[in-house]
Amino acid sequence: MRTALSALGVLILSCTTSFAQSARVSQPVDREARQGGESRAVKAARLPKKAHEVRQKGVADGDVKAALRAAKSKGVGAGEMAEVTEEHGRAVDEHGPIDNFGAFVNSKLDEGLRGRELAAAIRAEHAKRGKGKGQGRGNADRTRDDRDRGQRDAERGRGDAERGQRESAERERERAERELERAERDRERAERQAREAKEKADKAEKANKGKGRGKP
């Protein structure tokens, strides 16, 4: 009886130890699975933002929607497309957008390209027929260009205003000089007329005096 109880105790202890070891082994696997699921969810949540960014870089809204619809119809997950769209944004930064991007993505999906292969095909296509580096820049770049252009326009406007002021001041100076010259001529004419009048009066007076001396 005592021997049977001892054997039963050993069996229970062995089963308990085996279950604990099994639980310890399965716990990291479950945690890794949860982490993988969370990672996919986080990547999928980035897709709307990445799609918005490539629109801001000059990719037509219709092309973006067509590419996403094609990916969904082919069973490509949102997380995977978020990574592909992010690579697409970098390709646009480097080489500019391409025409009919949605149709291009659809054709590559039909060929079976997914993930990194699809992203690599997108980069290669942008490098081959992109509309020029910087043409697909985002709003920040366009805003900076607009600001720089506005500053140049403002500087040009200030230059025009200063030039106009200088020209106006020059015209005013010339007008003042002409007025001064005219006033000087009027003064000289008045003085000449005064001298002529005085000389005429002096002559008349001398003539009158001469007539007075000639009387008997």
Protein backbone atom coordinates (compact mmCIF):
# COMPACT_ATOMS: atom_id res chain seq x y z
CA MET A 1 0.00 0.00 0.00
CA ARG A 2 2.76 2.42 0.90
CA THR A 3 4.61 1.53 -2.25
CA ALA A 4 1.50 2.22 -4.38
CA LEU A 5 1.02 5.62 -2.76
CA SER A 6 4.65 6.53 -3.42
CA ALA A 7 4.29 5.54 -7.07
CA LEU A 8 1.11 7.62 -7.38
CA GLY A 9 2.92 10.65 -5.87
CA VAL A 10 5.77 10.31 -8.33
CA LEU A 11 3.29 10.12 -11.22
CA ILE A 12 1.43 13.28 -10.10
CA LEU A 13 4.70 15.19 -9.62
CA SER A 14 5.87 14.13 -13.08
CA CYS A 15 2.63 15.28 -14.73
CA THR A 16 2.70 18.63 -12.91
CA THR A 17 6.30 19.28 -13.96
CA SER A 18 5.53 18.36 -17.57
CA PHE A 19 2.51 20.72 -17.68
CA ALA A 20 4.54 23.62 -16.21
CA GLN A 21 7.28 23.11 -18.77
CA SER A 22 4.72 22.97 -21.55
CA ALA A 23 3.14 26.24 -20.31
CA ARG A 24 6.53 27.95 -20.17
CA VAL A 25 7.31 26.88 -23.71
CA SER A 26 3.95 27.98 -25.14
CA GLN A 27 3.90 31.38 -23.39
CA PRO A 28 6.66 33.01 -25.57
CA VAL A 29 5.02 31.60 -28.68
CA ASP A 30 1.69 33.16 -27.74
CA ARG A 31 3.39 36.46 -26.93
CA GLU A 32 5.24 36.42 -30.27
CA ALA A 33 1.97 35.71 -32.05
CA ARG A 34 0.31 38.64 -30.29
CA GLN A 35 3.25 40.89 -31.12
CA GLY A 36 3.09 39.83 -34.77
CA GLY A 37 -0.62 40.58 -34.85
CA GLU A 38 -0.08 43.98 -33.27
CA SER A 39 2.69 44.74 -35.77
CA ARG A 40 0.42 43.91 -38.69
CA ALA A 41 -2.33 46.06 -37.20
CA VAL A 42 0.05 48.99 -36.73
CA LYS A 43 1.28 48.67 -40.32
CA ALA A 44 -2.27 48.50 -41.62
CA ALA A 45 -3.19 51.62 -39.66
CA ARG A 46 -0.41 53.51 -41.47
CA LEU A 47 -1.88 52.90 -44.92
CA PRO A 48 -4.28 55.90 -45.01
CA LYS A 49 -1.49 58.23 -43.93
CA LYS A 50 0.99 56.84 -46.49
CA ALA A 51 -1.63 57.07 -49.23
CA HIS A 52 -2.29 60.71 -48.28
CA GLU A 53 1.44 61.47 -48.38
CA VAL A 54 1.89 60.20 -51.93
CA ARG A 55 -1.14 62.25 -53.01
CA GLN A 56 0.54 65.31 -51.54
CA LYS A 57 3.65 64.48 -53.55
CA GLY A 58 1.79 64.78 -56.83
CA VAL A 59 0.34 61.30 -57.43
CA ALA A 60 -3.20 61.55 -58.78
CA ASP A 61 -5.92 60.57 -56.33
CA GLY A 62 -7.47 58.28 -58.95
CA ASP A 63 -4.15 56.43 -59.38
CA VAL A 64 -3.79 55.93 -55.61
CA LYS A 65 -7.33 54.58 -55.31
CA ALA A 66 -6.88 52.30 -58.33
CA ALA A 67 -3.68 50.82 -56.87
CA LEU A 68 -5.31 50.19 -53.49
CA ARG A 69 -8.40 48.65 -55.07
CA ALA A 70 -6.23 46.37 -57.20
CA ALA A 71 -4.24 45.29 -54.14
CA LYS A 72 -7.41 44.55 -52.18
CA SER A 73 -8.89 42.53 -55.04
CA LYS A 74 -5.67 40.45 -55.17
CA GLY A 75 -5.77 39.77 -51.44
CA VAL A 76 -2.80 41.98 -50.52
CA GLY A 77 -3.07 43.03 -46.88
CA ALA A 78 -3.31 46.64 -45.76
CA GLY A 79 -0.08 46.35 -43.76
CA GLU A 80 1.83 45.09 -46.78
CA MET A 81 0.39 47.85 -48.97
CA ALA A 82 1.36 50.44 -46.35
CA GLU A 83 5.00 49.38 -46.74
CA VAL A 84 4.72 49.34 -50.54
CA THR A 85 3.09 52.80 -50.51
CA GLU A 86 5.87 54.11 -48.28
CA GLU A 87 8.45 52.87 -50.80
CA HIS A 88 6.36 54.45 -53.53
CA GLY A 89 6.60 57.81 -51.73
CA ARG A 90 10.38 57.55 -51.61
CA ALA A 91 10.49 56.71 -55.31
CA VAL A 92 8.40 59.82 -56.05
CA ASP A 93 10.79 61.94 -53.97
CA GLU A 94 13.75 60.66 -55.96
CA HIS A 95 12.35 60.55 -59.49
CA GLY A 96 8.93 62.25 -59.55
CA PRO A 97 5.53 60.63 -60.20
CA ILE A 98 4.57 58.54 -63.21
CA ASP A 99 1.40 58.52 -65.30
CA ASN A 100 -1.18 55.73 -64.87
CA PHE A 101 0.37 54.50 -61.64
CA GLY A 102 -2.76 52.56 -60.68
CA ALA A 103 -2.74 50.59 -63.92
CA PHE A 104 0.97 49.86 -63.49
CA VAL A 105 0.46 48.44 -59.98
CA ASN A 106 -2.46 46.34 -61.20
CA SER A 107 -0.32 44.86 -63.98
CA LYS A 108 2.46 43.98 -61.53
CA LEU A 109 -0.02 42.37 -59.17
CA ASP A 110 -1.31 40.33 -62.10
CA GLU A 111 2.28 39.16 -62.63
CA GLY A 112 2.30 37.93 -59.05
CA LEU A 113 4.57 40.58 -57.54
CA ARG A 114 4.02 41.29 -53.87
CA GLY A 115 5.79 43.06 -51.02
CA ARG A 116 9.43 43.87 -51.66
CA GLU A 117 9.27 42.69 -55.27
CA LEU A 118 6.35 45.01 -55.96
CA ALA A 119 8.13 47.92 -54.21
CA ALA A 120 11.29 47.25 -56.25
CA ALA A 121 9.27 47.24 -59.48
CA ILE A 122 7.68 50.55 -58.51
CA ARG A 123 11.09 52.12 -57.79
CA ALA A 124 12.47 50.88 -61.11
CA GLU A 125 9.48 52.25 -63.03
CA HIS A 126 9.82 55.67 -61.40
CA ALA A 127 13.54 55.72 -62.15
CA LYS A 128 12.78 54.88 -65.81
CA ARG A 129 9.92 57.28 -66.56
CA GLY A 130 9.47 59.56 -63.55
CA LYS A 131 8.56 63.16 -64.33
CA GLY A 132 11.79 64.52 -62.96
CA LYS A 133 13.26 64.75 -59.49
CA GLY A 134 11.33 67.20 -57.36
CA GLN A 135 8.25 67.38 -59.58
CA GLY A 136 6.40 65.16 -57.16
CA ARG A 137 7.46 66.93 -54.04
CA GLY A 138 5.13 67.29 -51.11
CA ASN A 139 3.29 70.30 -49.86
CA ALA A 140 6.20 71.38 -47.69
CA ASP A 141 8.52 71.68 -50.70
CA ARG A 142 5.88 73.41 -52.79
CA THR A 143 5.16 75.77 -49.91
CA ARG A 144 8.86 76.57 -49.61
CA ASP A 145 9.07 77.26 -53.34
CA ASP A 146 5.97 79.44 -53.18
CA ARG A 147 7.44 81.30 -50.22
CA ASP A 148 10.76 81.81 -52.01
CA ARG A 149 8.95 82.96 -55.14
CA GLY A 150 6.84 85.29 -53.01
CA GLN A 151 9.97 86.71 -51.43
CA ARG A 152 11.52 87.26 -54.84
CA ASP A 153 8.35 88.94 -56.05
CA ALA A 154 8.29 91.09 -52.93
CA GLU A 155 11.94 92.07 -53.42
CA ARG A 156 11.25 92.83 -57.06
CA GLY A 157 8.24 94.88 -56.00
CA ARG A 158 10.33 96.77 -53.47
CA GLY A 159 12.97 97.36 -56.14
CA ASP A 160 10.32 98.69 -58.51
CA ALA A 161 8.92 100.92 -55.79
CA GLU A 162 12.36 102.27 -54.91
CA ARG A 163 13.13 102.85 -58.58
CA GLY A 164 9.80 104.62 -58.98
CA GLN A 165 10.55 106.78 -55.97
CA ARG A 166 13.98 107.67 -57.33
CA GLU A 167 12.52 108.51 -60.73
CA SER A 168 9.78 110.58 -59.12
CA ALA A 169 12.34 112.43 -56.97
CA GLU A 170 14.47 113.03 -60.06
CA ARG A 171 11.49 114.42 -61.97
CA GLU A 172 10.64 116.65 -59.02
CA ARG A 173 14.22 117.92 -58.84
CA GLU A 174 14.24 118.68 -62.56
CA ARG A 175 10.88 120.48 -62.26
CA ALA A 176 12.21 122.56 -59.36
CA GLU A 177 15.31 123.46 -61.38
CA ARG A 178 13.14 124.53 -64.31
CA GLU A 179 11.01 126.66 -61.99
CA LEU A 180 14.13 128.25 -60.56
CA GLU A 181 15.48 129.00 -64.02
CA ARG A 182 12.14 130.49 -65.05
CA ALA A 183 12.05 132.65 -61.93
CA GLU A 184 15.60 133.79 -62.62
CA ARG A 185 14.68 134.75 -66.18
CA ASP A 186 11.60 136.63 -64.93
CA ARG A 187 13.76 138.50 -62.43
CA GLU A 188 16.33 139.43 -65.06
CA ARG A 189 13.56 140.57 -67.42
CA ALA A 190 11.98 142.68 -64.70
CA GLU A 191 15.34 144.25 -63.87
CA ARG A 192 16.00 144.98 -67.56
CA GLN A 193 12.58 146.54 -67.97
CA ALA A 194 13.17 148.64 -64.88
CA ARG A 195 16.53 149.84 -66.22
CA GLU A 196 15.01 150.59 -69.61
CA ALA A 197 12.18 152.52 -67.98
CA LYS A 198 14.65 154.48 -65.85
CA GLU A 199 16.85 155.24 -68.83
CA LYS A 200 13.80 156.41 -70.77
CA ALA A 201 12.71 158.63 -67.91
CA ASP A 202 16.20 160.06 -67.56
CA LYS A 203 16.28 160.88 -71.26
CA ALA A 204 12.90 162.55 -71.07
CA GLU A 205 13.99 164.58 -68.11
CA LYS A 206 17.19 165.70 -69.86
CA ALA A 207 15.20 166.62 -72.94
CA ASN A 208 12.83 168.74 -70.88
CA LYS A 209 15.71 170.48 -69.20
CA GLY A 210 17.35 171.19 -72.54
CA LYS A 211 14.17 172.77 -73.85
CA GLY A 212 13.97 175.00 -70.82
CA ARG A 213 17.47 176.42 -71.33
CA GLY A 214 16.77 177.25 -74.96
CA LYS A 215 13.86 179.71 -74.21
CA PRO A 216 14.51 183.62 -74.64
